[in-house]
Each structure stands twice: as structure tokens, then as C-alpha cells.
N, C-alpha and C. Protein backbone atom coordinates (compact mmCIF):
# COMPACT_ATOMS: atom_id res chain seq x y z
N MET A 1 0.83 -1.16 0.14
CA MET A 1 0.02 -0.09 -0.08
C MET A 1 0.62 1.29 0.11
N ILE A 2 1.98 1.28 0.52
CA ILE A 2 2.50 2.03 0.42
C ILE A 2 3.53 2.90 -0.41
N VAL A 3 3.87 1.59 -1.73
CA VAL A 3 3.75 2.02 -2.92
C VAL A 3 3.21 2.72 -3.91
N LEU A 4 1.73 1.94 -3.80
CA LEU A 4 0.43 2.57 -3.92
C LEU A 4 0.69 4.29 -4.03
N ALA A 5 1.15 4.82 -2.32
CA ALA A 5 0.80 6.20 -2.20
C ALA A 5 1.72 7.22 -2.74
N TYR A 6 2.61 6.67 -3.86
CA TYR A 6 3.48 7.56 -4.74
C TYR A 6 3.16 7.38 -5.58
N LEU A 7 1.92 6.55 -6.17
CA LEU A 7 1.76 6.27 -7.68
C LEU A 7 0.60 7.40 -8.24
N TRP A 8 0.64 8.61 -7.84
CA TRP A 8 0.09 9.29 -8.67
C TRP A 8 -1.53 9.45 -8.07
N LEU A 9 -2.41 8.72 -9.20
CA LEU A 9 -3.98 9.01 -8.35
C LEU A 9 -4.46 7.71 -7.59
N LEU A 10 -3.12 6.05 -7.72
CA LEU A 10 -3.46 5.40 -7.41
C LEU A 10 -3.40 5.84 -5.71
N ALA A 11 -2.62 6.86 -5.44
CA ALA A 11 -2.75 7.22 -3.60
C ALA A 11 -4.17 6.86 -3.19
N LEU A 12 -5.27 7.32 -3.72
CA LEU A 12 -6.86 7.56 -3.11
C LEU A 12 -7.12 5.71 -2.57
N ILE A 13 -6.49 5.11 -3.47
CA ILE A 13 -6.41 3.58 -2.45
C ILE A 13 -6.13 3.15 -0.89
N PRO A 14 -4.81 3.68 -0.91
CA PRO A 14 -4.46 3.59 0.71
C PRO A 14 -4.86 4.27 1.54
N LEU A 15 -5.40 5.25 0.83
CA LEU A 15 -6.32 6.50 1.61
C LEU A 15 -7.68 6.14 2.27
N LEU A 16 -8.08 5.37 1.00
CA LEU A 16 -9.27 5.19 1.72
C LEU A 16 -9.70 3.34 2.21
N VAL A 17 -8.74 3.01 1.82
CA VAL A 17 -8.84 1.67 2.54
C VAL A 17 -8.03 1.14 4.16
N GLU A 18 -6.64 1.74 3.76
CA GLU A 18 -6.21 1.33 5.22
C GLU A 18 -6.34 2.51 6.12
N LYS A 19 -7.63 2.68 7.12
CA LYS A 19 -7.82 3.86 7.55
C LYS A 19 -7.01 3.76 8.96
N GLN A 20 -6.88 2.22 9.41
CA GLN A 20 -5.97 1.93 10.90
C GLN A 20 -4.77 2.43 10.95
N ASP A 21 -3.84 2.33 9.97
CA ASP A 21 -2.35 2.45 9.46
C ASP A 21 -2.27 3.81 9.20
N ALA A 22 -1.88 4.21 10.49
CA ALA A 22 -0.98 5.88 10.17
C ALA A 22 0.33 5.72 9.30
N GLU A 23 0.97 5.00 9.16
CA GLU A 23 2.50 5.23 8.42
C GLU A 23 1.58 5.37 6.59
N VAL A 24 1.03 4.30 6.48
CA VAL A 24 -0.04 4.33 5.16
C VAL A 24 -0.64 5.21 4.96
N GLN A 25 -1.24 6.19 5.82
CA GLN A 25 -1.99 7.44 5.45
C GLN A 25 -1.46 8.27 5.32
N TRP A 26 0.06 8.20 6.19
CA TRP A 26 1.16 9.61 6.35
C TRP A 26 1.38 9.46 4.88
N HIS A 27 1.79 8.66 4.38
CA HIS A 27 2.20 8.49 2.81
C HIS A 27 1.31 8.68 1.49
N ALA A 28 0.34 8.37 1.89
CA ALA A 28 -0.90 8.42 1.00
C ALA A 28 -1.18 9.87 0.88
N ARG A 29 -1.46 10.34 1.93
CA ARG A 29 -1.63 12.06 1.94
C ARG A 29 -0.45 12.81 1.65
N HIS A 30 0.94 12.47 1.30
CA HIS A 30 1.96 13.22 0.98
C HIS A 30 1.64 12.67 -0.50
N GLY A 31 1.35 11.68 -0.80
CA GLY A 31 1.67 11.47 -2.26
C GLY A 31 0.24 12.38 -3.14
N ILE A 32 -0.94 12.26 -2.50
CA ILE A 32 -1.73 13.04 -3.43
C ILE A 32 -1.45 14.91 -3.22
N VAL A 33 -1.35 14.85 -2.25
CA VAL A 33 -0.59 16.72 -2.08
C VAL A 33 0.41 16.82 -3.31
N LEU A 34 1.54 16.12 -3.30
CA LEU A 34 2.78 15.88 -4.39
C LEU A 34 2.05 15.75 -5.71
N LEU A 35 0.56 15.07 -5.96
CA LEU A 35 0.43 14.69 -7.22
C LEU A 35 -0.62 16.20 -7.41
N VAL A 36 -1.02 16.81 -6.69
CA VAL A 36 -1.68 18.19 -6.87
C VAL A 36 -0.68 19.51 -7.05
N ALA A 37 0.53 18.89 -6.79
CA ALA A 37 1.43 20.05 -6.63
C ALA A 37 1.86 20.03 -8.04
N GLU A 38 2.08 18.56 -8.64
CA GLU A 38 2.47 18.35 -9.80
C GLU A 38 1.70 18.89 -11.05
N LEU A 39 0.48 18.46 -10.73
CA LEU A 39 -0.71 19.29 -11.62
C LEU A 39 -0.77 20.46 -11.76
N LEU A 40 -0.83 21.55 -10.72
CA LEU A 40 -0.80 22.71 -10.86
C LEU A 40 0.99 23.18 -11.87
N ALA A 41 1.88 22.86 -11.29
CA ALA A 41 2.94 22.99 -11.79
C ALA A 41 2.82 22.47 -13.70
N PHE A 42 2.45 21.32 -13.87
CA PHE A 42 1.97 21.14 -15.40
C PHE A 42 1.07 22.11 -16.03
N ALA A 43 0.01 22.53 -15.12
CA ALA A 43 -0.78 23.51 -15.66
C ALA A 43 -0.14 25.06 -15.97
N LEU A 44 0.84 25.27 -14.79
CA LEU A 44 1.28 26.53 -15.63
C LEU A 44 2.39 26.76 -16.11
N TYR A 45 2.93 25.53 -16.27
CA TYR A 45 3.85 25.22 -17.79
C TYR A 45 2.77 25.39 -18.61
N ILE A 46 1.72 24.80 -19.00
CA ILE A 46 1.03 25.01 -20.10
C ILE A 46 0.72 26.45 -20.43
N VAL A 47 0.61 27.07 -19.43
CA VAL A 47 -0.06 28.56 -19.87
C VAL A 47 1.23 29.18 -20.21
N LEU A 48 2.29 29.17 -19.50
CA LEU A 48 3.58 29.66 -19.91
C LEU A 48 4.24 29.55 -21.21
N THR A 49 4.26 28.34 -21.73
CA THR A 49 4.66 27.55 -22.93
C THR A 49 3.63 28.16 -23.90
N SER A 50 2.39 28.35 -23.56
CA SER A 50 1.39 28.97 -24.87
C SER A 50 2.00 30.31 -25.44
N VAL A 51 1.87 31.20 -24.15
CA VAL A 51 2.08 32.37 -24.29
C VAL A 51 3.62 32.63 -24.70
N VAL A 52 4.64 31.87 -24.11
CA VAL A 52 5.98 32.07 -25.28
C VAL A 52 5.75 31.52 -26.46
N SER A 53 5.34 30.13 -26.66
CA SER A 53 5.39 30.09 -28.47
C SER A 53 4.67 30.92 -29.19
N LEU A 54 4.02 31.89 -28.79
CA LEU A 54 3.60 32.90 -29.56
C LEU A 54 4.24 34.18 -29.79
N ALA A 55 5.32 34.11 -29.02
CA ALA A 55 6.76 35.16 -29.15
C ALA A 55 7.77 34.47 -29.96
N SER A 56 7.93 33.33 -29.64
CA SER A 56 9.23 33.10 -30.11
C SER A 56 9.62 31.48 -29.89
N LEU A 57 10.04 31.11 -31.26
CA LEU A 57 9.63 29.51 -31.48
C LEU A 57 10.96 28.86 -30.91
N GLY A 58 12.46 29.49 -30.85
CA GLY A 58 13.46 28.85 -29.81
C GLY A 58 13.08 28.97 -28.66
N LEU A 59 12.60 29.77 -27.81
CA LEU A 59 12.05 29.62 -26.41
C LEU A 59 11.25 28.68 -26.32
N GLY A 60 10.45 28.36 -27.05
CA GLY A 60 9.52 27.20 -27.01
C GLY A 60 10.14 26.20 -27.17
N VAL A 61 10.99 26.02 -27.43
CA VAL A 61 11.62 24.59 -28.07
C VAL A 61 12.71 24.28 -26.47
N PHE A 62 12.86 25.19 -26.03
CA PHE A 62 13.99 25.12 -24.88
C PHE A 62 12.67 24.82 -23.48
N LEU A 63 11.33 25.03 -23.60
CA LEU A 63 10.83 25.13 -22.60
C LEU A 63 9.99 23.74 -22.88
N VAL A 64 10.26 23.08 -24.10
CA VAL A 64 9.52 21.66 -23.79
C VAL A 64 10.70 20.59 -23.72
N SER A 65 11.75 21.12 -23.81
CA SER A 65 13.02 20.45 -23.62
C SER A 65 12.96 20.49 -22.08
N LEU A 66 12.72 21.32 -21.26
CA LEU A 66 12.73 21.85 -20.01
C LEU A 66 11.67 20.83 -19.06
N LEU A 67 10.72 20.65 -19.79
CA LEU A 67 9.67 19.92 -19.29
C LEU A 67 9.90 18.41 -19.50
N VAL A 68 11.05 17.69 -20.36
CA VAL A 68 11.62 16.53 -20.34
C VAL A 68 12.08 16.20 -19.21
N PHE A 69 13.02 17.44 -18.74
CA PHE A 69 14.05 16.96 -18.00
C PHE A 69 13.11 17.33 -16.29
N ALA A 70 12.22 17.93 -16.08
CA ALA A 70 10.72 18.23 -15.21
C ALA A 70 10.48 16.62 -14.88
N TRP A 71 10.00 16.21 -16.08
CA TRP A 71 9.37 14.83 -15.52
C TRP A 71 10.36 13.57 -14.86
N ILE A 72 11.69 13.85 -15.52
CA ILE A 72 12.79 12.85 -15.23
C ILE A 72 12.82 13.29 -13.75
N GLY A 73 12.79 14.64 -13.33
CA GLY A 73 13.14 14.74 -12.11
C GLY A 73 12.03 14.51 -11.11
N ILE A 74 10.49 14.36 -11.58
CA ILE A 74 9.31 14.41 -10.76
C ILE A 74 9.29 12.38 -10.71
N LEU A 75 9.88 11.68 -11.62
CA LEU A 75 10.31 10.49 -11.55
C LEU A 75 11.36 9.88 -10.74
N ALA A 76 12.00 11.05 -10.89
CA ALA A 76 12.68 10.77 -9.61
C ALA A 76 12.36 10.93 -8.06
N LEU A 77 12.05 11.40 -8.00
CA LEU A 77 11.31 12.23 -6.56
C LEU A 77 10.34 11.08 -6.22
N HIS A 78 9.47 10.43 -6.96
CA HIS A 78 8.87 9.42 -6.53
C HIS A 78 9.39 8.21 -6.34
N VAL A 79 10.42 7.81 -6.84
CA VAL A 79 11.36 6.77 -6.96
C VAL A 79 11.83 6.81 -6.02
N VAL A 80 12.42 7.85 -5.16
CA VAL A 80 13.39 7.78 -3.79
C VAL A 80 12.01 7.82 -2.79
N ALA A 81 10.91 8.97 -2.72
CA ALA A 81 9.90 8.34 -1.94
C ALA A 81 9.48 7.13 -1.47
N ILE A 82 9.35 6.31 -2.77
CA ILE A 82 9.18 4.68 -2.94
C ILE A 82 10.05 4.02 -1.79
N PHE A 83 11.43 4.03 -1.79
CA PHE A 83 12.54 3.45 -1.86
C PHE A 83 12.51 3.77 -0.05
N LYS A 84 12.90 5.12 0.11
CA LYS A 84 12.63 5.49 1.55
C LYS A 84 11.24 4.93 2.59
N ALA A 85 10.18 4.87 2.08
CA ALA A 85 9.13 4.79 2.39
C ALA A 85 9.03 3.36 2.92
N LEU A 86 9.46 2.35 1.89
CA LEU A 86 9.71 0.75 1.90
C LEU A 86 10.73 0.51 2.91
N ASN A 87 11.77 1.45 3.17
CA ASN A 87 12.43 1.14 4.12
C ASN A 87 12.18 1.92 5.56
N GLY A 88 11.06 2.29 6.19
CA GLY A 88 10.69 2.62 7.37
C GLY A 88 10.80 3.91 7.36
N THR A 89 11.50 4.84 6.73
CA THR A 89 11.48 6.07 6.85
C THR A 89 10.45 7.14 6.13
N ARG A 90 10.63 8.13 6.26
CA ARG A 90 9.72 9.50 5.56
C ARG A 90 10.70 10.18 4.69
N MET A 91 10.36 10.50 3.27
CA MET A 91 11.06 11.43 2.95
C MET A 91 10.09 12.75 3.30
N ILE A 92 10.89 14.02 3.63
CA ILE A 92 10.42 15.55 4.27
C ILE A 92 10.25 16.18 3.14
N ILE A 93 9.33 16.52 2.20
CA ILE A 93 9.67 17.63 1.30
C ILE A 93 9.24 18.71 1.41
N PRO A 94 9.91 20.03 1.38
CA PRO A 94 9.58 21.40 2.17
C PRO A 94 8.25 21.83 1.43
N ARG A 95 8.02 22.32 1.92
CA ARG A 95 6.20 22.74 1.39
C ARG A 95 5.43 21.82 1.67
N VAL A 96 5.68 20.85 0.62
CA VAL A 96 4.91 19.84 0.32
C VAL A 96 4.22 19.40 1.70
N SER A 97 5.48 18.76 2.61
CA SER A 97 5.09 18.44 3.51
C SER A 97 4.74 18.65 4.76
N SER A 98 4.99 19.96 4.88
CA SER A 98 4.02 21.07 5.95
C SER A 98 2.54 21.01 5.73
N PHE A 99 2.45 20.97 4.07
CA PHE A 99 0.98 21.26 3.84
C PHE A 99 0.25 20.09 3.98
N ALA A 100 0.46 18.67 3.74
CA ALA A 100 -0.01 17.52 3.71
C ALA A 100 -0.32 17.07 5.43
N SER A 101 1.04 17.83 5.91
CA SER A 101 0.57 17.63 7.52
C SER A 101 -0.73 17.95 8.22
N ARG A 102 -1.63 19.35 7.44
CA ARG A 102 -2.73 19.72 7.71
C ARG A 102 -3.83 18.65 8.11
N PHE A 103 -3.66 17.70 7.05
CA PHE A 103 -5.20 16.44 7.40
C PHE A 103 -5.12 15.96 7.95
């Protein structure tokens, strides 16, 4: 269940099923907050590339390549969070973890 907590929308499964396990709930909440943060960043990226692509094609190509590197970084973040969770530790992500702790 801890692995599902960091697999984007699948984080809802441990959140709804494992009500008694506080550790799984913590990871599921963090996975959902991380998902929302990634979706907001992606929406901002879409708006930014739309505006910039109207102004300059070269800068638009740069922003598309930036998306590829950001996607690799997001995947790495999820993999590290999964490995830390499987080892029994928590990955504290600045601002994301403090926001998820409110729930």
C-alpha cells in the first residue's frame, strides 16, 4: 500500500482502504498533495509555453526540453520516496510535507 501512495491517482486506494495504519495514511496524504502540486506545476507550464510559443519558437523549444527534464525529476522524486517508505523512513519535501501534515 505504501508503494501505491506515491503512484499519482492510485494514492486514493491506500487513503481509503488503510484507515487504521497511520504510516500508510501519512504516505498517502503526501502522495496526493504531491500529485496536486505536480498538476498545478504542469498547468502553469502549459500556460507559460502557450504564451512564449506565440512570441518565439526558439524559446518554446527550450521550454519543451525543460519539461522533459522536469518529468525525469518528478519520476526520480517518486522513486526515492517509494524506496524511503519501503525502508521505513519518511521523505520530507519542503512545503509539500508541511501542507500535507494539515490533513
